[in-house]
């Protein structure tokens, strides 16, 4: 079953601005999916339509086979949303925010309290459970919103820029937990993020949206393997005054012991090291210059 299926989705606002022009998208059940695009591309509008926060102009949306028009309540109960903006009462403590959210879905209070304890502990917020939420740091507020989105244990979770402003240590613990619910519970996750290294490391499939249209969709591994060259920075033990001639590779001298080498999809790193060896150049360390998905994304958007 498809977790999400969108056909011909459009949204035109009253002032004539068309935020979503023709979005067609399928996400399989159990997937960890990235929806990427520049600011204003239509990502948040598309998510808002799916979550019944924005009324579509035309098109069809279904979630686990439930049509958004005819079975809106079934769709809403299947979805959890972590929005970009904080939208909870700053004067309520986390424990009450979660229990009250569970009440919207008809979850009995004892069960709601049990779940609230589970998710607050998972998000490392249990010690803050009775403090007013306004006292929480920005990262804690982000984690509280994830806990709130999960309290009714949805089958589909939207994470809209969930780690903005979160320090790297907390970000890693958040992703470990999200990966856990994806793998162990089978929760389908759709992520939007500006940290494209997150999308590359976490997601199996990706769609790129630009100017209200999906311009590319597929498996992350396939898109990256088929798309373009990868640039590496190599530290060399020998000192150099000019960039060496490495047959089949574009090479730039960054420093007297550092090279930038572009490896196209027609070549492999084994060939690069063979050429370096033939030139008697010893590599002491190597790293990618940029995140591969970020480079792929930028090329797509520039084309569009």
C-alpha atoms as a PDB file:
ATOM      1  CA  UNK A   1       0.000   0.000   0.000  1.00  0.00           C
ATOM      2  CA  UNK A   2       1.107   3.551  -0.680  1.00  0.00           C
ATOM      3  CA  UNK A   3       1.364   5.697   2.413  1.00  0.00           C
ATOM      4  CA  UNK A   4       0.763   8.787   0.301  1.00  0.00           C
ATOM      5  CA  UNK A   5      -0.451   9.282  -3.252  1.00  0.00           C
ATOM      6  CA  UNK A   6      -0.843  12.741  -4.831  1.00  0.00           C
ATOM      7  CA  UNK A   7      -2.167  13.341  -8.334  1.00  0.00           C
ATOM      8  CA  UNK A   8      -2.352  16.703 -10.101  1.00  0.00           C
ATOM      9  CA  UNK A   9      -2.291  18.737  -6.894  1.00  0.00           C
ATOM     10  CA  UNK A  10      -2.717  22.498  -7.321  1.00  0.00           C
ATOM     11  CA  UNK A  11      -3.109  25.426  -4.960  1.00  0.00           C
ATOM     12  CA  UNK A  12      -3.849  28.992  -6.060  1.00  0.00           C
ATOM     13  CA  UNK A  13      -4.384  31.609  -3.376  1.00  0.00           C
ATOM     14  CA  UNK A  14      -6.944  34.404  -3.532  1.00  0.00           C
ATOM     15  CA  UNK A  15      -4.353  36.918  -4.734  1.00  0.00           C
ATOM     16  CA  UNK A  16      -3.664  34.732  -7.780  1.00  0.00           C
ATOM     17  CA  UNK A  17      -0.362  33.289  -6.565  1.00  0.00           C
ATOM     18  CA  UNK A  18      -0.023  29.634  -7.561  1.00  0.00           C
ATOM     19  CA  UNK A  19       2.033  27.988  -4.822  1.00  0.00           C
ATOM     20  CA  UNK A  20       1.528  24.433  -6.113  1.00  0.00           C
ATOM     21  CA  UNK A  21       1.137  23.940  -9.861  1.00  0.00           C
ATOM     22  CA  UNK A  22       1.030  20.220 -10.587  1.00  0.00           C
ATOM     23  CA  UNK A  23       2.437  17.945  -7.893  1.00  0.00           C
ATOM     24  CA  UNK A  24       2.388  14.190  -8.536  1.00  0.00           C
ATOM     25  CA  UNK A  25       3.976  12.086  -5.827  1.00  0.00           C
ATOM     26  CA  UNK A  26       3.880   8.550  -4.419  1.00  0.00           C
ATOM     27  CA  UNK A  27       5.439   7.453  -1.120  1.00  0.00           C
ATOM     28  CA  UNK A  28       5.469   3.773  -0.210  1.00  0.00           C
ATOM     29  CA  UNK A  29       4.432   2.550   3.224  1.00  0.00           C
ATOM     30  CA  UNK A  30       7.411   2.309   5.595  1.00  0.00           C
ATOM     31  CA  UNK A  31       9.615   4.630   3.555  1.00  0.00           C
ATOM     32  CA  UNK A  32      11.909   7.341   4.930  1.00  0.00           C
ATOM     33  CA  UNK A  33      11.346   9.980   2.278  1.00  0.00           C
ATOM     34  CA  UNK A  34      12.844  13.435   1.691  1.00  0.00           C
ATOM     35  CA  UNK A  35      10.868  16.255   0.094  1.00  0.00           C
ATOM     36  CA  UNK A  36      13.402  18.883  -0.888  1.00  0.00           C
ATOM     37  CA  UNK A  37      13.215  22.275  -2.525  1.00  0.00           C
ATOM     38  CA  UNK A  38      14.270  25.909  -2.088  1.00  0.00           C
ATOM     39  CA  UNK A  39      12.263  28.353   0.016  1.00  0.00           C
ATOM     40  CA  UNK A  40       8.932  29.076  -1.655  1.00  0.00           C
ATOM     41  CA  UNK A  41       9.052  25.923  -3.790  1.00  0.00           C
ATOM     42  CA  UNK A  42       5.716  24.621  -2.480  1.00  0.00           C
ATOM     43  CA  UNK A  43       6.843  22.070   0.119  1.00  0.00           C
ATOM     44  CA  UNK A  44       5.030  23.511   3.114  1.00  0.00           C
ATOM     45  CA  UNK A  45       1.902  24.249   1.083  1.00  0.00           C
ATOM     46  CA  UNK A  46       1.803  20.637  -0.111  1.00  0.00           C
ATOM     47  CA  UNK A  47       2.209  19.342   3.446  1.00  0.00           C
ATOM     48  CA  UNK A  48      -0.435  21.791   4.687  1.00  0.00           C
ATOM     49  CA  UNK A  49      -2.922  20.451   2.130  1.00  0.00           C
ATOM     50  CA  UNK A  50      -2.260  16.825   3.108  1.00  0.00           C
ATOM     51  CA  UNK A  51      -2.711  17.690   6.797  1.00  0.00           C
ATOM     52  CA  UNK A  52      -5.990  19.576   6.117  1.00  0.00           C
ATOM     53  CA  UNK A  53      -4.476  22.920   7.146  1.00  0.00           C
ATOM     54  CA  UNK A  54      -4.810  24.378   3.639  1.00  0.00           C
ATOM     55  CA  UNK A  55      -7.625  23.802   1.160  1.00  0.00           C
ATOM     56  CA  UNK A  56      -6.437  22.574  -2.233  1.00  0.00           C
ATOM     57  CA  UNK A  57      -7.603  24.126  -5.497  1.00  0.00           C
ATOM     58  CA  UNK A  58      -7.713  20.820  -7.345  1.00  0.00           C
ATOM     59  CA  UNK A  59      -6.124  17.388  -7.469  1.00  0.00           C
ATOM     60  CA  UNK A  60      -6.374  14.159  -5.495  1.00  0.00           C
ATOM     61  CA  UNK A  61      -4.679  13.184  -2.221  1.00  0.00           C
ATOM     62  CA  UNK A  62      -4.949   9.817  -0.513  1.00  0.00           C
ATOM     63  CA  UNK A  63      -3.249   8.522   2.640  1.00  0.00           C
ATOM     64  CA  UNK A  64      -3.117   4.744   3.136  1.00  0.00           C
ATOM     65  CA  UNK A  65      -5.928   4.463   0.621  1.00  0.00           C
ATOM     66  CA  UNK A  66      -8.145   7.048   2.356  1.00  0.00           C
ATOM     67  CA  UNK A  67      -9.261   9.878   0.076  1.00  0.00           C
ATOM     68  CA  UNK A  68      -8.703  13.305   1.633  1.00  0.00           C
ATOM     69  CA  UNK A  69     -12.027  14.631   0.336  1.00  0.00           C
ATOM     70  CA  UNK A  70     -14.248  11.731   1.395  1.00  0.00           C
ATOM     71  CA  UNK A  71     -12.403  10.369   4.451  1.00  0.00           C
ATOM     72  CA  UNK A  72     -10.809  13.423   6.007  1.00  0.00           C
ATOM     73  CA  UNK A  73     -10.964  12.170   9.605  1.00  0.00           C
ATOM     74  CA  UNK A  74      -9.335   8.851   8.701  1.00  0.00           C
ATOM     75  CA  UNK A  75      -6.559  10.765   6.930  1.00  0.00           C
ATOM     76  CA  UNK A  76      -6.036  13.147   9.844  1.00  0.00           C
ATOM     77  CA  UNK A  77      -5.831  10.308  12.388  1.00  0.00           C
ATOM     78  CA  UNK A  78      -3.150   8.612  10.263  1.00  0.00           C
ATOM     79  CA  UNK A  79      -0.884  11.675  10.208  1.00  0.00           C
ATOM     80  CA  UNK A  80       1.484  13.293  12.685  1.00  0.00           C
ATOM     81  CA  UNK A  81       2.963  16.705  11.868  1.00  0.00           C
ATOM     82  CA  UNK A  82       6.000  18.508  13.239  1.00  0.00           C
ATOM     83  CA  UNK A  83       5.682  22.000  11.717  1.00  0.00           C
ATOM     84  CA  UNK A  84       8.421  24.589  11.289  1.00  0.00           C
ATOM     85  CA  UNK A  85       6.919  27.032  13.788  1.00  0.00           C
ATOM     86  CA  UNK A  86       6.325  26.417  17.486  1.00  0.00           C
ATOM     87  CA  UNK A  87       2.547  26.226  17.896  1.00  0.00           C
ATOM     88  CA  UNK A  88       1.869  25.079  21.445  1.00  0.00           C
ATOM     89  CA  UNK A  89       0.996  27.020  24.596  1.00  0.00           C
ATOM     90  CA  UNK A  90       4.170  28.314  26.228  1.00  0.00           C
ATOM     91  CA  UNK A  91       2.413  28.359  29.597  1.00  0.00           C
ATOM     92  CA  UNK A  92       1.513  24.664  29.629  1.00  0.00           C
ATOM     93  CA  UNK A  93       4.018  22.035  30.834  1.00  0.00           C
ATOM     94  CA  UNK A  94       5.102  19.348  28.329  1.00  0.00           C
ATOM     95  CA  UNK A  95       3.223  16.573  30.121  1.00  0.00           C
ATOM     96  CA  UNK A  96      -0.088  18.439  29.769  1.00  0.00           C
ATOM     97  CA  UNK A  97       0.582  19.383  26.138  1.00  0.00           C
ATOM     98  CA  UNK A  98       0.984  15.717  25.259  1.00  0.00           C
ATOM     99  CA  UNK A  99      -1.959  14.479  27.306  1.00  0.00           C
ATOM    100  CA  UNK A 100      -4.263  17.139  25.855  1.00  0.00           C
ATOM    101  CA  UNK A 101      -3.085  16.322  22.319  1.00  0.00           C
ATOM    102  CA  UNK A 102      -3.894  12.659  22.925  1.00  0.00           C
ATOM    103  CA  UNK A 103      -7.377  13.696  24.022  1.00  0.00           C
ATOM    104  CA  UNK A 104      -8.061  15.154  20.571  1.00  0.00           C
ATOM    105  CA  UNK A 105      -7.736  11.618  19.220  1.00  0.00           C
ATOM    106  CA  UNK A 106      -9.957  10.035  21.871  1.00  0.00           C
ATOM    107  CA  UNK A 107      -7.124   8.396  23.791  1.00  0.00           C
ATOM    108  CA  UNK A 108      -8.150   7.749  27.445  1.00  0.00           C
ATOM    109  CA  UNK A 109      -6.229   9.855  29.954  1.00  0.00           C
ATOM    110  CA  UNK A 110      -4.402   6.951  31.698  1.00  0.00           C
ATOM    111  CA  UNK A 111      -3.130   5.687  28.333  1.00  0.00           C
ATOM    112  CA  UNK A 112      -2.284   9.245  27.289  1.00  0.00           C
ATOM    113  CA  UNK A 113      -0.193   9.701  30.450  1.00  0.00           C
ATOM    114  CA  UNK A 114       1.623   6.417  29.799  1.00  0.00           C
ATOM    115  CA  UNK A 115       2.437   7.422  26.238  1.00  0.00           C
ATOM    116  CA  UNK A 116       3.460  10.919  27.313  1.00  0.00           C
ATOM    117  CA  UNK A 117       6.008   9.430  29.706  1.00  0.00           C
ATOM    118  CA  UNK A 118       7.398   7.167  26.969  1.00  0.00           C
ATOM    119  CA  UNK A 119       7.828   9.940  24.409  1.00  0.00           C
ATOM    120  CA  UNK A 120       9.094  12.578  26.820  1.00  0.00           C
ATOM    121  CA  UNK A 121      11.769  10.153  27.988  1.00  0.00           C
ATOM    122  CA  UNK A 122      12.663   9.270  24.396  1.00  0.00           C
ATOM    123  CA  UNK A 123      13.032  12.984  23.635  1.00  0.00           C
ATOM    124  CA  UNK A 124      15.047  13.555  26.843  1.00  0.00           C
ATOM    125  CA  UNK A 125      12.382  15.890  28.241  1.00  0.00           C
ATOM    126  CA  UNK A 126      11.096  13.880  31.198  1.00  0.00           C
ATOM    127  CA  UNK A 127      12.877  16.031  33.783  1.00  0.00           C
ATOM    128  CA  UNK A 128      11.189  19.101  32.244  1.00  0.00           C
ATOM    129  CA  UNK A 129       7.716  17.551  32.208  1.00  0.00           C
ATOM    130  CA  UNK A 130       6.162  19.865  34.825  1.00  0.00           C
ATOM    131  CA  UNK A 131       7.936  23.120  33.875  1.00  0.00           C
ATOM    132  CA  UNK A 132       6.225  25.735  31.739  1.00  0.00           C
ATOM    133  CA  UNK A 133       7.194  25.177  28.118  1.00  0.00           C
ATOM    134  CA  UNK A 134       8.385  28.755  27.750  1.00  0.00           C
ATOM    135  CA  UNK A 135      11.383  27.786  29.923  1.00  0.00           C
ATOM    136  CA  UNK A 136      12.546  25.191  27.379  1.00  0.00           C
ATOM    137  CA  UNK A 137      15.426  25.867  25.007  1.00  0.00           C
ATOM    138  CA  UNK A 138      14.784  26.001  21.268  1.00  0.00           C
ATOM    139  CA  UNK A 139      16.071  22.453  20.833  1.00  0.00           C
ATOM    140  CA  UNK A 140      13.849  21.181  23.641  1.00  0.00           C
ATOM    141  CA  UNK A 141      10.821  22.820  22.037  1.00  0.00           C
ATOM    142  CA  UNK A 142      11.619  21.043  18.762  1.00  0.00           C
ATOM    143  CA  UNK A 143      11.788  17.720  20.574  1.00  0.00           C
ATOM    144  CA  UNK A 144       8.534  18.466  22.381  1.00  0.00           C
ATOM    145  CA  UNK A 145       6.829  18.960  19.019  1.00  0.00           C
ATOM    146  CA  UNK A 146       8.097  15.573  17.832  1.00  0.00           C
ATOM    147  CA  UNK A 147       6.752  13.938  20.995  1.00  0.00           C
ATOM    148  CA  UNK A 148       3.410  15.680  20.514  1.00  0.00           C
ATOM    149  CA  UNK A 149       3.182  14.548  16.876  1.00  0.00           C
ATOM    150  CA  UNK A 150       3.767  10.932  17.945  1.00  0.00           C
ATOM    151  CA  UNK A 151       1.373  10.774  20.896  1.00  0.00           C
ATOM    152  CA  UNK A 152      -1.445   9.218  18.821  1.00  0.00           C
ATOM    153  CA  UNK A 153       1.106   6.898  17.122  1.00  0.00           C
ATOM    154  CA  UNK A 154       0.419   7.913  13.515  1.00  0.00           C
ATOM    155  CA  UNK A 155       1.356   5.731  10.552  1.00  0.00           C
ATOM    156  CA  UNK A 156       2.703   8.734   8.606  1.00  0.00           C
ATOM    157  CA  UNK A 157       4.915  11.384  10.207  1.00  0.00           C
ATOM    158  CA  UNK A 158       5.773  14.715   8.554  1.00  0.00           C
ATOM    159  CA  UNK A 159       8.936  16.397   9.801  1.00  0.00           C
ATOM    160  CA  UNK A 160       9.066  19.940   8.400  1.00  0.00           C
ATOM    161  CA  UNK A 161      12.541  21.352   9.164  1.00  0.00           C
ATOM    162  CA  UNK A 162      12.606  19.532  12.545  1.00  0.00           C
ATOM    163  CA  UNK A 163      16.244  20.195  13.450  1.00  0.00           C
ATOM    164  CA  UNK A 164      16.444  23.916  12.685  1.00  0.00           C
ATOM    165  CA  UNK A 165      18.316  25.534  15.560  1.00  0.00           C
ATOM    166  CA  UNK A 166      19.116  22.215  17.250  1.00  0.00           C
ATOM    167  CA  UNK A 167      22.731  21.523  18.226  1.00  0.00           C
ATOM    168  CA  UNK A 168      24.468  18.602  16.551  1.00  0.00           C
ATOM    169  CA  UNK A 169      24.499  16.258  19.571  1.00  0.00           C
ATOM    170  CA  UNK A 170      20.756  16.578  20.150  1.00  0.00           C
ATOM    171  CA  UNK A 171      20.134  16.363  16.413  1.00  0.00           C
ATOM    172  CA  UNK A 172      21.882  12.988  16.289  1.00  0.00           C
ATOM    173  CA  UNK A 173      19.863  11.613  19.204  1.00  0.00           C
ATOM    174  CA  UNK A 174      16.652  12.825  17.558  1.00  0.00           C
ATOM    175  CA  UNK A 175      17.539  11.087  14.307  1.00  0.00           C
ATOM    176  CA  UNK A 176      18.440   7.883  16.129  1.00  0.00           C
ATOM    177  CA  UNK A 177      14.969   7.841  17.661  1.00  0.00           C
ATOM    178  CA  UNK A 178      13.216   8.705  14.383  1.00  0.00           C
ATOM    179  CA  UNK A 179      15.136   5.948  12.580  1.00  0.00           C
ATOM    180  CA  UNK A 180      14.075   3.562  15.342  1.00  0.00           C
ATOM    181  CA  UNK A 181      10.354   4.210  14.868  1.00  0.00           C
ATOM    182  CA  UNK A 182      10.772   3.980  11.102  1.00  0.00           C
ATOM    183  CA  UNK A 183      12.511   0.597  11.285  1.00  0.00           C
ATOM    184  CA  UNK A 184      10.823  -1.017  14.278  1.00  0.00           C
ATOM    185  CA  UNK A 185       7.287   0.376  14.043  1.00  0.00           C
ATOM    186  CA  UNK A 186       7.200   0.817  10.278  1.00  0.00           C
ATOM    187  CA  UNK A 187       6.204   4.471  10.592  1.00  0.00           C
ATOM    188  CA  UNK A 188       6.436   6.205   7.211  1.00  0.00           C
ATOM    189  CA  UNK A 189       8.418   9.442   7.509  1.00  0.00           C
ATOM    190  CA  UNK A 190       8.485  12.393   5.123  1.00  0.00           C
ATOM    191  CA  UNK A 191      11.229  14.900   5.893  1.00  0.00           C
ATOM    192  CA  UNK A 192      11.901  18.404   4.655  1.00  0.00           C
ATOM    193  CA  UNK A 193      15.245  19.858   5.659  1.00  0.00           C
ATOM    194  CA  UNK A 194      17.880  22.372   4.628  1.00  0.00           C
ATOM    195  CA  UNK A 195      20.555  20.098   6.129  1.00  0.00           C
ATOM    196  CA  UNK A 196      20.926  17.999   2.996  1.00  0.00           C
ATOM    197  CA  UNK A 197      23.515  15.729   4.577  1.00  0.00           C
ATOM    198  CA  UNK A 198      20.661  14.553   6.823  1.00  0.00           C
ATOM    199  CA  UNK A 199      18.509  13.670   3.828  1.00  0.00           C
ATOM    200  CA  UNK A 200      21.362  11.763   2.183  1.00  0.00           C
ATOM    201  CA  UNK A 201      22.203   9.745   5.309  1.00  0.00           C
ATOM    202  CA  UNK A 202      18.630   9.103   6.501  1.00  0.00           C
ATOM    203  CA  UNK A 203      16.347   8.841   3.491  1.00  0.00           C
ATOM    204  CA  UNK A 204      15.900   6.054   0.971  1.00  0.00           C
ATOM    205  CA  UNK A 205      13.901   8.053  -1.573  1.00  0.00           C
ATOM    206  CA  UNK A 206      13.684  11.717  -2.462  1.00  0.00           C
ATOM    207  CA  UNK A 207      11.608  14.155  -4.488  1.00  0.00           C
ATOM    208  CA  UNK A 208      12.781  17.632  -5.441  1.00  0.00           C
ATOM    209  CA  UNK A 209      10.091  20.285  -5.823  1.00  0.00           C
ATOM    210  CA  UNK A 210      10.715  23.654  -7.473  1.00  0.00           C
ATOM    211  CA  UNK A 211       8.230  26.378  -8.359  1.00  0.00           C
ATOM    212  CA  UNK A 212       5.313  24.162  -7.389  1.00  0.00           C
ATOM    213  CA  UNK A 213       6.287  21.142  -9.513  1.00  0.00           C
ATOM    214  CA  UNK A 214       8.134  17.914  -8.659  1.00  0.00           C
ATOM    215  CA  UNK A 215      11.131  18.009 -10.998  1.00  0.00           C
ATOM    216  CA  UNK A 216      12.905  14.819  -9.879  1.00  0.00           C
ATOM    217  CA  UNK A 217      11.986  11.750  -7.855  1.00  0.00           C
ATOM    218  CA  UNK A 218      13.632   8.418  -7.104  1.00  0.00           C
ATOM    219  CA  UNK A 219      15.939   6.443  -4.839  1.00  0.00           C
ATOM    220  CA  UNK A 220      18.669   8.585  -3.304  1.00  0.00           C
ATOM    221  CA  UNK A 221      21.365   6.030  -4.162  1.00  0.00           C
ATOM    222  CA  UNK A 222      20.237   5.789  -7.798  1.00  0.00           C
ATOM    223  CA  UNK A 223      19.958   9.533  -8.361  1.00  0.00           C
ATOM    224  CA  UNK A 224      23.391  10.173  -6.920  1.00  0.00           C
ATOM    225  CA  UNK A 225      25.100   7.315  -8.753  1.00  0.00           C
ATOM    226  CA  UNK A 226      23.669   8.381 -12.112  1.00  0.00           C
ATOM    227  CA  UNK A 227      23.798  12.125 -11.881  1.00  0.00           C
ATOM    228  CA  UNK A 228      27.160  13.839 -11.775  1.00  0.00           C
ATOM    229  CA  UNK A 229      30.787  13.945 -10.705  1.00  0.00           C
ATOM    230  CA  UNK A 230      31.926  13.885  -7.096  1.00  0.00           C
ATOM    231  CA  UNK A 231      34.653  16.226  -5.901  1.00  0.00           C
ATOM    232  CA  UNK A 232      37.275  15.075  -3.383  1.00  0.00           C
ATOM    233  CA  UNK A 233      39.935  16.924  -1.433  1.00  0.00           C
ATOM    234  CA  UNK A 234      43.162  14.917  -1.085  1.00  0.00           C
ATOM    235  CA  UNK A 235      46.038  15.592   1.277  1.00  0.00           C
ATOM    236  CA  UNK A 236      49.331  14.492  -0.312  1.00  0.00           C
ATOM    237  CA  UNK A 237      52.536  13.711   1.564  1.00  0.00           C
ATOM    238  CA  UNK A 238      54.715  15.322  -1.125  1.00  0.00           C
ATOM    239  CA  UNK A 239      54.990  19.074  -1.679  1.00  0.00           C
ATOM    240  CA  UNK A 240      53.886  20.373  -5.112  1.00  0.00           C
ATOM    241  CA  UNK A 241      54.249  23.694  -6.937  1.00  0.00           C
ATOM    242  CA  UNK A 242      51.715  22.876  -9.665  1.00  0.00           C
ATOM    243  CA  UNK A 243      48.780  20.515 -10.012  1.00  0.00           C
ATOM    244  CA  UNK A 244      49.883  17.109 -11.372  1.00  0.00           C
ATOM    245  CA  UNK A 245      48.469  15.775 -14.625  1.00  0.00           C
ATOM    246  CA  UNK A 246      46.168  12.894 -13.667  1.00  0.00           C
ATOM    247  CA  UNK A 247      44.851  11.376 -16.878  1.00  0.00           C
ATOM    248  CA  UNK A 248      41.031  11.317 -16.970  1.00  0.00           C
ATOM    249  CA  UNK A 249      40.568  13.584 -13.931  1.00  0.00           C
ATOM    250  CA  UNK A 250      40.195  17.328 -13.403  1.00  0.00           C
ATOM    251  CA  UNK A 251      42.743  18.400 -10.804  1.00  0.00           C
ATOM    252  CA  UNK A 252      43.263  21.698  -8.954  1.00  0.00           C
ATOM    253  CA  UNK A 253      46.048  22.615  -6.549  1.00  0.00           C
ATOM    254  CA  UNK A 254      44.601  23.972  -3.295  1.00  0.00           C
ATOM    255  CA  UNK A 255      47.868  24.121  -1.401  1.00  0.00           C
ATOM    256  CA  UNK A 256      51.369  22.756  -1.854  1.00  0.00           C
ATOM    257  CA  UNK A 257      50.204  19.456  -0.323  1.00  0.00           C
ATOM    258  CA  UNK A 258      46.491  19.477  -1.138  1.00  0.00           C
ATOM    259  CA  UNK A 259      44.567  18.635  -4.309  1.00  0.00           C
ATOM    260  CA  UNK A 260      40.960  18.949  -5.408  1.00  0.00           C
ATOM    261  CA  UNK A 261      40.001  16.134  -7.800  1.00  0.00           C
ATOM    262  CA  UNK A 262      36.734  15.695  -9.706  1.00  0.00           C
ATOM    263  CA  UNK A 263      35.709  12.075 -10.260  1.00  0.00           C
ATOM    264  CA  UNK A 264      33.025  11.595 -12.923  1.00  0.00           C
ATOM    265  CA  UNK A 265      30.518   8.753 -12.951  1.00  0.00           C
ATOM    266  CA  UNK A 266      32.544   7.067 -15.734  1.00  0.00           C
ATOM    267  CA  UNK A 267      35.522   6.674 -13.376  1.00  0.00           C
ATOM    268  CA  UNK A 268      36.059   5.027 -10.015  1.00  0.00           C
ATOM    269  CA  UNK A 269      38.211   5.833  -7.021  1.00  0.00           C
ATOM    270  CA  UNK A 270      40.289   2.726  -7.721  1.00  0.00           C
ATOM    271  CA  UNK A 271      41.373   4.267 -11.027  1.00  0.00           C
ATOM    272  CA  UNK A 272      42.166   7.561  -9.285  1.00  0.00           C
ATOM    273  CA  UNK A 273      44.431   5.820  -6.777  1.00  0.00           C
ATOM    274  CA  UNK A 274      46.080   3.844  -9.577  1.00  0.00           C
ATOM    275  CA  UNK A 275      46.896   7.083 -11.426  1.00  0.00           C
ATOM    276  CA  UNK A 276      48.152   8.706  -8.223  1.00  0.00           C
ATOM    277  CA  UNK A 277      50.352   5.684  -7.561  1.00  0.00           C
ATOM    278  CA  UNK A 278      51.813   5.870 -11.075  1.00  0.00           C
ATOM    279  CA  UNK A 279      52.786   9.481 -10.299  1.00  0.00           C
ATOM    280  CA  UNK A 280      54.292   8.335  -6.972  1.00  0.00           C
ATOM    281  CA  UNK A 281      51.883  10.546  -5.017  1.00  0.00           C
ATOM    282  CA  UNK A 282      50.940   9.265  -1.551  1.00  0.00           C
ATOM    283  CA  UNK A 283      47.504  10.220  -0.171  1.00  0.00           C
ATOM    284  CA  UNK A 284      47.490  10.793   3.598  1.00  0.00           C
ATOM    285  CA  UNK A 285      43.796  11.700   3.882  1.00  0.00           C
ATOM    286  CA  UNK A 286      40.763  12.178   1.680  1.00  0.00           C
ATOM    287  CA  UNK A 287      37.287  13.704   2.063  1.00  0.00           C
ATOM    288  CA  UNK A 288      34.404  14.810  -0.108  1.00  0.00           C
ATOM    289  CA  UNK A 289      34.321  18.515  -0.820  1.00  0.00           C
ATOM    290  CA  UNK A 290      30.539  18.871  -0.612  1.00  0.00           C
ATOM    291  CA  UNK A 291      27.543  16.822   0.331  1.00  0.00           C
ATOM    292  CA  UNK A 292      26.546  14.853  -2.783  1.00  0.00           C
ATOM    293  CA  UNK A 293      22.825  15.379  -2.397  1.00  0.00           C
ATOM    294  CA  UNK A 294      23.379  19.097  -1.881  1.00  0.00           C
ATOM    295  CA  UNK A 295      25.296  19.338  -5.152  1.00  0.00           C
ATOM    296  CA  UNK A 296      22.659  17.280  -6.981  1.00  0.00           C
ATOM    297  CA  UNK A 297      19.893  19.461  -5.519  1.00  0.00           C
ATOM    298  CA  UNK A 298      21.611  22.711  -6.527  1.00  0.00           C
ATOM    299  CA  UNK A 299      22.135  21.520 -10.098  1.00  0.00           C
ATOM    300  CA  UNK A 300      18.483  20.502 -10.417  1.00  0.00           C
ATOM    301  CA  UNK A 301      17.173  23.798  -9.049  1.00  0.00           C
ATOM    302  CA  UNK A 302      19.485  25.821 -11.291  1.00  0.00           C
ATOM    303  CA  UNK A 303      18.215  23.891 -14.316  1.00  0.00           C
ATOM    304  CA  UNK A 304      14.632  24.538 -13.291  1.00  0.00           C
END
